[in-house]
Amino acid sequence: MSNDSTSMKELYRVIVSLGSVEDCEAFFADLCTPKEVAAMAQRLEAAKLLLAGKTYEEIIALTDISSATLSRVSRCTKYGSGYKKVLK
């Protein structure tokens, strides 16, 4: 396998090149298990709810996300730039 940085850049390039929701669904169906895709979707939903001002308790009730994962998502919404950029 090639160097991790190179592999990760290639993954990001492929994701960016996907032209439609259908292409994205097909790619992630091949790349990930349904549970992995669901976990990513759950994190995205939690980030949206955090940015909308919902409490941890409300988000856990709505998404069934673990408090540990929600804490990580919360740090990313506060100090990261990814969620903020796509969830303006």
PDB file of N, CA and C in Angstrom:
ATOM      1  N   MET A   1       0.848  -1.184   0.000  1.00  0.00           N
ATOM      2  CA  MET A   1       0.000   0.000   0.000  1.00  0.00           C
ATOM      3  C   MET A   1       0.888   1.239   0.000  1.00  0.00           C
ATOM      4  N   SER A   2       0.449   2.256  -0.683  1.00  0.00           N
ATOM      5  CA  SER A   2       1.233   3.489  -0.747  1.00  0.00           C
ATOM      6  C   SER A   2       1.176   4.230   0.584  1.00  0.00           C
ATOM      7  N   ASN A   3       2.001   5.213   0.694  1.00  0.00           N
ATOM      8  CA  ASN A   3       2.081   6.016   1.919  1.00  0.00           C
ATOM      9  C   ASN A   3       0.704   6.552   2.287  1.00  0.00           C
ATOM     10  N   ASP A   4       0.414   6.596   3.594  1.00  0.00           N
ATOM     11  CA  ASP A   4      -0.921   6.990   4.077  1.00  0.00           C
ATOM     12  C   ASP A   4      -1.372   8.341   3.539  1.00  0.00           C
ATOM     13  N   SER A   5      -0.459   9.304   3.530  1.00  0.00           N
ATOM     14  CA  SER A   5      -0.822  10.641   3.057  1.00  0.00           C
ATOM     15  C   SER A   5      -1.250  10.603   1.598  1.00  0.00           C
ATOM     16  N   THR A   6      -0.526   9.866   0.790  1.00  0.00           N
ATOM     17  CA  THR A   6      -0.866   9.738  -0.629  1.00  0.00           C
ATOM     18  C   THR A   6      -2.207   9.032  -0.802  1.00  0.00           C
ATOM     19  N   SER A   7      -2.428   7.971  -0.055  1.00  0.00           N
ATOM     20  CA  SER A   7      -3.691   7.231  -0.136  1.00  0.00           C
ATOM     21  C   SER A   7      -4.867   8.096   0.291  1.00  0.00           C
ATOM     22  N   MET A   8      -4.666   8.861   1.340  1.00  0.00           N
ATOM     23  CA  MET A   8      -5.754   9.716   1.823  1.00  0.00           C
ATOM     24  C   MET A   8      -6.056  10.813   0.809  1.00  0.00           C
ATOM     25  N   LYS A   9      -5.035  11.418   0.231  1.00  0.00           N
ATOM     26  CA  LYS A   9      -5.257  12.455  -0.792  1.00  0.00           C
ATOM     27  C   LYS A   9      -6.021  11.867  -1.969  1.00  0.00           C
ATOM     28  N   GLU A  10      -5.668  10.652  -2.361  1.00  0.00           N
ATOM     29  CA  GLU A  10      -6.362  10.002  -3.471  1.00  0.00           C
ATOM     30  C   GLU A  10      -7.834   9.773  -3.115  1.00  0.00           C
ATOM     31  N   LEU A  11      -8.095   9.335  -1.901  1.00  0.00           N
ATOM     32  CA  LEU A  11      -9.473   9.150  -1.462  1.00  0.00           C
ATOM     33  C   LEU A  11     -10.237  10.466  -1.552  1.00  0.00           C
ATOM     34  N   TYR A  12      -9.659  11.543  -1.052  1.00  0.00           N
ATOM     35  CA  TYR A  12     -10.328  12.841  -1.095  1.00  0.00           C
ATOM     36  C   TYR A  12     -10.552  13.296  -2.532  1.00  0.00           C
ATOM     37  N   ARG A  13      -9.574  13.065  -3.403  1.00  0.00           N
ATOM     38  CA  ARG A  13      -9.742  13.434  -4.821  1.00  0.00           C
ATOM     39  C   ARG A  13     -10.908  12.677  -5.447  1.00  0.00           C
ATOM     40  N   VAL A  14     -11.003  11.384  -5.140  1.00  0.00           N
ATOM     41  CA  VAL A  14     -12.099  10.578  -5.690  1.00  0.00           C
ATOM     42  C   VAL A  14     -13.443  11.094  -5.183  1.00  0.00           C
ATOM     43  N   ILE A  15     -13.535  11.380  -3.884  1.00  0.00           N
ATOM     44  CA  ILE A  15     -14.796  11.876  -3.321  1.00  0.00           C
ATOM     45  C   ILE A  15     -15.193  13.192  -3.976  1.00  0.00           C
ATOM     46  N   VAL A  16     -14.239  14.086  -4.125  1.00  0.00           N
ATOM     47  CA  VAL A  16     -14.531  15.383  -4.749  1.00  0.00           C
ATOM     48  C   VAL A  16     -14.986  15.208  -6.201  1.00  0.00           C
ATOM     49  N   SER A  17     -14.516  14.181  -6.864  1.00  0.00           N
ATOM     50  CA  SER A  17     -14.842  13.988  -8.280  1.00  0.00           C
ATOM     51  C   SER A  17     -16.225  13.381  -8.510  1.00  0.00           C
ATOM     52  N   LEU A  18     -16.854  12.870  -7.472  1.00  0.00           N
ATOM     53  CA  LEU A  18     -18.171  12.257  -7.640  1.00  0.00           C
ATOM     54  C   LEU A  18     -19.161  13.320  -8.089  1.00  0.00           C
ATOM     55  N   GLY A  19     -19.881  13.028  -9.142  1.00  0.00           N
ATOM     56  CA  GLY A  19     -20.696  14.057  -9.780  1.00  0.00           C
ATOM     57  C   GLY A  19     -22.147  14.132  -9.357  1.00  0.00           C
ATOM     58  N   SER A  20     -22.624  13.144  -8.601  1.00  0.00           N
ATOM     59  CA  SER A  20     -24.040  13.147  -8.240  1.00  0.00           C
ATOM     60  C   SER A  20     -24.234  12.396  -6.930  1.00  0.00           C
ATOM     61  N   VAL A  21     -25.395  12.574  -6.349  1.00  0.00           N
ATOM     62  CA  VAL A  21     -25.728  11.841  -5.125  1.00  0.00           C
ATOM     63  C   VAL A  21     -25.725  10.340  -5.424  1.00  0.00           C
ATOM     64  N   GLU A  22     -26.226   9.971  -6.586  1.00  0.00           N
ATOM     65  CA  GLU A  22     -26.277   8.551  -6.954  1.00  0.00           C
ATOM     66  C   GLU A  22     -24.870   7.967  -7.057  1.00  0.00           C
ATOM     67  N   ASP A  23     -23.941   8.714  -7.680  1.00  0.00           N
ATOM     68  CA  ASP A  23     -22.550   8.254  -7.769  1.00  0.00           C
ATOM     69  C   ASP A  23     -21.943   8.119  -6.378  1.00  0.00           C
ATOM     70  N   CYS A  24     -22.246   9.065  -5.517  1.00  0.00           N
ATOM     71  CA  CYS A  24     -21.733   9.059  -4.149  1.00  0.00           C
ATOM     72  C   CYS A  24     -22.286   7.851  -3.384  1.00  0.00           C
ATOM     73  N   GLU A  25     -23.571   7.601  -3.518  1.00  0.00           N
ATOM     74  CA  GLU A  25     -24.184   6.445  -2.852  1.00  0.00           C
ATOM     75  C   GLU A  25     -23.527   5.141  -3.313  1.00  0.00           C
ATOM     76  N   ALA A  26     -23.312   4.999  -4.616  1.00  0.00           N
ATOM     77  CA  ALA A  26     -22.703   3.782  -5.146  1.00  0.00           C
ATOM     78  C   ALA A  26     -21.263   3.630  -4.652  1.00  0.00           C
ATOM     79  N   PHE A  27     -20.517   4.733  -4.643  1.00  0.00           N
ATOM     80  CA  PHE A  27     -19.131   4.688  -4.196  1.00  0.00           C
ATOM     81  C   PHE A  27     -19.048   4.291  -2.728  1.00  0.00           C
ATOM     82  N   PHE A  28     -19.845   4.948  -1.871  1.00  0.00           N
ATOM     83  CA  PHE A  28     -19.777   4.637  -0.442  1.00  0.00           C
ATOM     84  C   PHE A  28     -20.333   3.250  -0.137  1.00  0.00           C
ATOM     85  N   ALA A  29     -21.269   2.754  -0.942  1.00  0.00           N
ATOM     86  CA  ALA A  29     -21.772   1.389  -0.764  1.00  0.00           C
ATOM     87  C   ALA A  29     -20.659   0.377  -1.017  1.00  0.00           C
ATOM     88  N   ASP A  30     -19.784   0.687  -1.956  1.00  0.00           N
ATOM     89  CA  ASP A  30     -18.650  -0.191  -2.237  1.00  0.00           C
ATOM     90  C   ASP A  30     -17.528  -0.015  -1.217  1.00  0.00           C
ATOM     91  N   LEU A  31     -17.322   1.211  -0.770  1.00  0.00           N
ATOM     92  CA  LEU A  31     -16.191   1.534   0.096  1.00  0.00           C
ATOM     93  C   LEU A  31     -16.426   1.164   1.555  1.00  0.00           C
ATOM     94  N   CYS A  32     -17.640   1.357   2.049  1.00  0.00           N
ATOM     95  CA  CYS A  32     -17.934   1.226   3.478  1.00  0.00           C
ATOM     96  C   CYS A  32     -19.066   0.235   3.720  1.00  0.00           C
ATOM     97  N   THR A  33     -19.147  -0.213   4.956  1.00  0.00           N
ATOM     98  CA  THR A  33     -20.306  -1.013   5.349  1.00  0.00           C
ATOM     99  C   THR A  33     -21.477  -0.058   5.574  1.00  0.00           C
ATOM    100  N   PRO A  34     -22.695  -0.574   5.518  1.00  0.00           N
ATOM    101  CA  PRO A  34     -23.846   0.290   5.816  1.00  0.00           C
ATOM    102  C   PRO A  34     -23.732   0.941   7.208  1.00  0.00           C
ATOM    103  N   LYS A  35     -23.199   0.226   8.169  1.00  0.00           N
ATOM    104  CA  LYS A  35     -23.050   0.764   9.521  1.00  0.00           C
ATOM    105  C   LYS A  35     -22.056   1.936   9.540  1.00  0.00           C
ATOM    106  N   GLU A  36     -20.969   1.837   8.768  1.00  0.00           N
ATOM    107  CA  GLU A  36     -19.994   2.937   8.700  1.00  0.00           C
ATOM    108  C   GLU A  36     -20.610   4.185   8.079  1.00  0.00           C
ATOM    109  N   VAL A  37     -21.370   4.010   7.023  1.00  0.00           N
ATOM    110  CA  VAL A  37     -22.036   5.155   6.373  1.00  0.00           C
ATOM    111  C   VAL A  37     -23.059   5.760   7.333  1.00  0.00           C
ATOM    112  N   ALA A  38     -23.803   4.912   8.034  1.00  0.00           N
ATOM    113  CA  ALA A  38     -24.787   5.408   8.998  1.00  0.00           C
ATOM    114  C   ALA A  38     -24.110   6.197  10.116  1.00  0.00           C
ATOM    115  N   ALA A  39     -22.943   5.747  10.568  1.00  0.00           N
ATOM    116  CA  ALA A  39     -22.211   6.462  11.625  1.00  0.00           C
ATOM    117  C   ALA A  39     -21.761   7.838  11.133  1.00  0.00           C
ATOM    118  N   MET A  40     -21.309   7.922   9.882  1.00  0.00           N
ATOM    119  CA  MET A  40     -20.911   9.223   9.332  1.00  0.00           C
ATOM    120  C   MET A  40     -22.123  10.148   9.216  1.00  0.00           C
ATOM    121  N   ALA A  41     -23.251   9.599   8.768  1.00  0.00           N
ATOM    122  CA  ALA A  41     -24.469  10.403   8.646  1.00  0.00           C
ATOM    123  C   ALA A  41     -24.934  10.880  10.020  1.00  0.00           C
ATOM    124  N   GLN A  42     -24.807  10.027  11.024  1.00  0.00           N
ATOM    125  CA  GLN A  42     -25.189  10.393  12.382  1.00  0.00           C
ATOM    126  C   GLN A  42     -24.318  11.546  12.903  1.00  0.00           C
ATOM    127  N   ARG A  43     -23.024  11.503  12.635  1.00  0.00           N
ATOM    128  CA  ARG A  43     -22.123  12.579  13.056  1.00  0.00           C
ATOM    129  C   ARG A  43     -22.474  13.889  12.357  1.00  0.00           C
ATOM    130  N   LEU A  44     -22.790  13.817  11.083  1.00  0.00           N
ATOM    131  CA  LEU A  44     -23.175  15.013  10.342  1.00  0.00           C
ATOM    132  C   LEU A  44     -24.458  15.614  10.921  1.00  0.00           C
ATOM    133  N   GLU A  45     -25.437  14.762  11.206  1.00  0.00           N
ATOM    134  CA  GLU A  45     -26.684  15.241  11.796  1.00  0.00           C
ATOM    135  C   GLU A  45     -26.430  15.874  13.168  1.00  0.00           C
ATOM    136  N   ALA A  46     -25.579  15.250  13.966  1.00  0.00           N
ATOM    137  CA  ALA A  46     -25.252  15.800  15.283  1.00  0.00           C
ATOM    138  C   ALA A  46     -24.572  17.163  15.139  1.00  0.00           C
ATOM    139  N   ALA A  47     -23.679  17.293  14.173  1.00  0.00           N
ATOM    140  CA  ALA A  47     -23.007  18.580  13.948  1.00  0.00           C
ATOM    141  C   ALA A  47     -24.024  19.658  13.575  1.00  0.00           C
ATOM    142  N   LYS A  48     -24.969  19.325  12.701  1.00  0.00           N
ATOM    143  CA  LYS A  48     -26.016  20.280  12.322  1.00  0.00           C
ATOM    144  C   LYS A  48     -26.792  20.733  13.549  1.00  0.00           C
ATOM    145  N   LEU A  49     -27.156  19.778  14.385  1.00  0.00           N
ATOM    146  CA  LEU A  49     -27.943  20.086  15.573  1.00  0.00           C
ATOM    147  C   LEU A  49     -27.147  20.925  16.567  1.00  0.00           C
ATOM    148  N   LEU A  50     -25.867  20.620  16.735  1.00  0.00           N
ATOM    149  CA  LEU A  50     -25.010  21.435  17.607  1.00  0.00           C
ATOM    150  C   LEU A  50     -24.937  22.864  17.098  1.00  0.00           C
ATOM    151  N   LEU A  51     -24.720  23.007  15.802  1.00  0.00           N
ATOM    152  CA  LEU A  51     -24.609  24.342  15.223  1.00  0.00           C
ATOM    153  C   LEU A  51     -25.938  25.105  15.294  1.00  0.00           C
ATOM    154  N   ALA A  52     -27.037  24.362  15.410  1.00  0.00           N
ATOM    155  CA  ALA A  52     -28.358  24.983  15.553  1.00  0.00           C
ATOM    156  C   ALA A  52     -28.687  25.300  17.008  1.00  0.00           C
ATOM    157  N   GLY A  53     -27.752  24.967  17.921  1.00  0.00           N
ATOM    158  CA  GLY A  53     -27.941  25.322  19.320  1.00  0.00           C
ATOM    159  C   GLY A  53     -28.615  24.280  20.193  1.00  0.00           C
ATOM    160  N   LYS A  54     -28.797  23.067  19.681  1.00  0.00           N
ATOM    161  CA  LYS A  54     -29.413  22.009  20.484  1.00  0.00           C
ATOM    162  C   LYS A  54     -28.454  21.570  21.589  1.00  0.00           C
ATOM    163  N   THR A  55     -29.014  21.061  22.688  1.00  0.00           N
ATOM    164  CA  THR A  55     -28.206  20.573  23.803  1.00  0.00           C
ATOM    165  C   THR A  55     -27.746  19.142  23.537  1.00  0.00           C
ATOM    166  N   TYR A  56     -26.733  18.706  24.296  1.00  0.00           N
ATOM    167  CA  TYR A  56     -26.278  17.318  24.191  1.00  0.00           C
ATOM    168  C   TYR A  56     -27.448  16.363  24.408  1.00  0.00           C
ATOM    169  N   GLU A  57     -28.248  16.619  25.411  1.00  0.00           N
ATOM    170  CA  GLU A  57     -29.366  15.737  25.737  1.00  0.00           C
ATOM    171  C   GLU A  57     -30.349  15.638  24.577  1.00  0.00           C
ATOM    172  N   GLU A  58     -30.659  16.771  23.971  1.00  0.00           N
ATOM    173  CA  GLU A  58     -31.579  16.773  22.832  1.00  0.00           C
ATOM    174  C   GLU A  58     -30.990  15.989  21.661  1.00  0.00           C
ATOM    175  N   ILE A  59     -29.715  16.191  21.398  1.00  0.00           N
ATOM    176  CA  ILE A  59     -29.066  15.535  20.260  1.00  0.00           C
ATOM    177  C   ILE A  59     -28.997  14.029  20.476  1.00  0.00           C
ATOM    178  N   ILE A  60     -28.647  13.607  21.680  1.00  0.00           N
ATOM    179  CA  ILE A  60     -28.592  12.172  21.973  1.00  0.00           C
ATOM    180  C   ILE A  60     -29.975  11.553  21.803  1.00  0.00           C
ATOM    181  N   ALA A  61     -31.009  12.240  22.273  1.00  0.00           N
ATOM    182  CA  ALA A  61     -32.381  11.734  22.135  1.00  0.00           C
ATOM    183  C   ALA A  61     -32.796  11.647  20.667  1.00  0.00           C
ATOM    184  N   LEU A  62     -32.406  12.622  19.869  1.00  0.00           N
ATOM    185  CA  LEU A  62     -32.804  12.652  18.455  1.00  0.00           C
ATOM    186  C   LEU A  62     -32.011  11.690  17.570  1.00  0.00           C
ATOM    187  N   THR A  63     -30.722  11.486  17.898  1.00  0.00           N
ATOM    188  CA  THR A  63     -29.847  10.726  16.990  1.00  0.00           C
ATOM    189  C   THR A  63     -29.353   9.402  17.547  1.00  0.00           C
ATOM    190  N   ASP A  64     -29.482   9.197  18.840  1.00  0.00           N
ATOM    191  CA  ASP A  64     -28.957   8.005  19.515  1.00  0.00           C
ATOM    192  C   ASP A  64     -27.424   7.910  19.418  1.00  0.00           C
ATOM    193  N   ILE A  65     -26.758   9.047  19.249  1.00  0.00           N
ATOM    194  CA  ILE A  65     -25.304   9.090  19.188  1.00  0.00           C
ATOM    195  C   ILE A  65     -24.752   8.908  20.608  1.00  0.00           C
ATOM    196  N   SER A  66     -23.576   8.296  20.727  1.00  0.00           N
ATOM    197  CA  SER A  66     -22.977   8.145  22.049  1.00  0.00           C
ATOM    198  C   SER A  66     -22.449   9.492  22.532  1.00  0.00           C
ATOM    199  N   SER A  67     -22.376   9.653  23.830  1.00  0.00           N
ATOM    200  CA  SER A  67     -21.881  10.919  24.375  1.00  0.00           C
ATOM    201  C   SER A  67     -20.417  11.130  24.007  1.00  0.00           C
ATOM    202  N   ALA A  68     -19.629  10.068  23.920  1.00  0.00           N
ATOM    203  CA  ALA A  68     -18.218  10.203  23.540  1.00  0.00           C
ATOM    204  C   ALA A  68     -18.086  10.692  22.097  1.00  0.00           C
ATOM    205  N   THR A  69     -18.877  10.141  21.204  1.00  0.00           N
ATOM    206  CA  THR A  69     -18.828  10.577  19.806  1.00  0.00           C
ATOM    207  C   THR A  69     -19.355  11.993  19.676  1.00  0.00           C
ATOM    208  N   LEU A  70     -20.408  12.307  20.397  1.00  0.00           N
ATOM    209  CA  LEU A  70     -20.955  13.661  20.358  1.00  0.00           C
ATOM    210  C   LEU A  70     -19.930  14.671  20.866  1.00  0.00           C
ATOM    211  N   SER A  71     -19.176  14.305  21.876  1.00  0.00           N
ATOM    212  CA  SER A  71     -18.137  15.189  22.400  1.00  0.00           C
ATOM    213  C   SER A  71     -17.096  15.477  21.331  1.00  0.00           C
ATOM    214  N   ARG A  72     -16.711  14.452  20.574  1.00  0.00           N
ATOM    215  CA  ARG A  72     -15.740  14.652  19.491  1.00  0.00           C
ATOM    216  C   ARG A  72     -16.313  15.543  18.405  1.00  0.00           C
ATOM    217  N   VAL A  73     -17.545  15.299  18.027  1.00  0.00           N
ATOM    218  CA  VAL A  73     -18.198  16.133  17.016  1.00  0.00           C
ATOM    219  C   VAL A  73     -18.268  17.575  17.510  1.00  0.00           C
ATOM    220  N   SER A  74     -18.590  17.741  18.780  1.00  0.00           N
ATOM    221  CA  SER A  74     -18.687  19.087  19.357  1.00  0.00           C
ATOM    222  C   SER A  74     -17.344  19.815  19.268  1.00  0.00           C
ATOM    223  N   ARG A  75     -16.256  19.130  19.605  1.00  0.00           N
ATOM    224  CA  ARG A  75     -14.928  19.757  19.485  1.00  0.00           C
ATOM    225  C   ARG A  75     -14.655  20.174  18.045  1.00  0.00           C
ATOM    226  N   CYS A  76     -15.050  19.333  17.119  1.00  0.00           N
ATOM    227  CA  CYS A  76     -14.816  19.651  15.706  1.00  0.00           C
ATOM    228  C   CYS A  76     -15.655  20.842  15.252  1.00  0.00           C
ATOM    229  N   THR A  77     -16.882  20.961  15.763  1.00  0.00           N
ATOM    230  CA  THR A  77     -17.699  22.108  15.366  1.00  0.00           C
ATOM    231  C   THR A  77     -17.165  23.397  15.974  1.00  0.00           C
ATOM    232  N   LYS A  78     -16.509  23.294  17.124  1.00  0.00           N
ATOM    233  CA  LYS A  78     -15.958  24.484  17.789  1.00  0.00           C
ATOM    234  C   LYS A  78     -14.596  24.887  17.242  1.00  0.00           C
ATOM    235  N   TYR A  79     -13.724  23.905  17.025  1.00  0.00           N
ATOM    236  CA  TYR A  79     -12.327  24.213  16.707  1.00  0.00           C
ATOM    237  C   TYR A  79     -11.905  23.810  15.303  1.00  0.00           C
ATOM    238  N   GLY A  80     -12.688  22.982  14.638  1.00  0.00           N
ATOM    239  CA  GLY A  80     -12.352  22.550  13.288  1.00  0.00           C
ATOM    240  C   GLY A  80     -12.947  23.485  12.253  1.00  0.00           C
ATOM    241  N   SER A  81     -12.675  23.186  11.012  1.00  0.00           N
ATOM    242  CA  SER A  81     -13.214  24.026   9.941  1.00  0.00           C
ATOM    243  C   SER A  81     -14.091  23.245   8.961  1.00  0.00           C
ATOM    244  N   GLY A  82     -14.054  21.926   9.012  1.00  0.00           N
ATOM    245  CA  GLY A  82     -14.794  21.125   8.049  1.00  0.00           C
ATOM    246  C   GLY A  82     -16.295  21.249   8.152  1.00  0.00           C
ATOM    247  N   TYR A  83     -16.831  20.982   9.335  1.00  0.00           N
ATOM    248  CA  TYR A  83     -18.290  21.062   9.507  1.00  0.00           C
ATOM    249  C   TYR A  83     -18.777  22.482   9.191  1.00  0.00           C
ATOM    250  N   LYS A  84     -18.098  23.471   9.737  1.00  0.00           N
ATOM    251  CA  LYS A  84     -18.537  24.859   9.551  1.00  0.00           C
ATOM    252  C   LYS A  84     -18.584  25.237   8.080  1.00  0.00           C
ATOM    253  N   LYS A  85     -17.638  24.710   7.321  1.00  0.00           N
ATOM    254  CA  LYS A  85     -17.565  25.062   5.901  1.00  0.00           C
ATOM    255  C   LYS A  85     -18.740  24.482   5.110  1.00  0.00           C
ATOM    256  N   VAL A  86     -19.122  23.266   5.437  1.00  0.00           N
ATOM    257  CA  VAL A  86     -20.189  22.629   4.655  1.00  0.00           C
ATOM    258  C   VAL A  86     -21.583  22.787   5.245  1.00  0.00           C
ATOM    259  N   LEU A  87     -21.659  23.171   6.527  1.00  0.00           N
ATOM    260  CA  LEU A  87     -22.968  23.290   7.184  1.00  0.00           C
ATOM    261  C   LEU A  87     -23.334  24.733   7.516  1.00  0.00           C
ATOM    262  N   LYS A  88     -22.813  25.690   6.796  1.00  0.00           N
ATOM    263  CA  LYS A  88     -23.032  27.127   7.054  1.00  0.00           C
ATOM    264  C   LYS A  88     -24.459  27.445   7.409  1.00  0.00           C
TER     265      LYS A  88
END
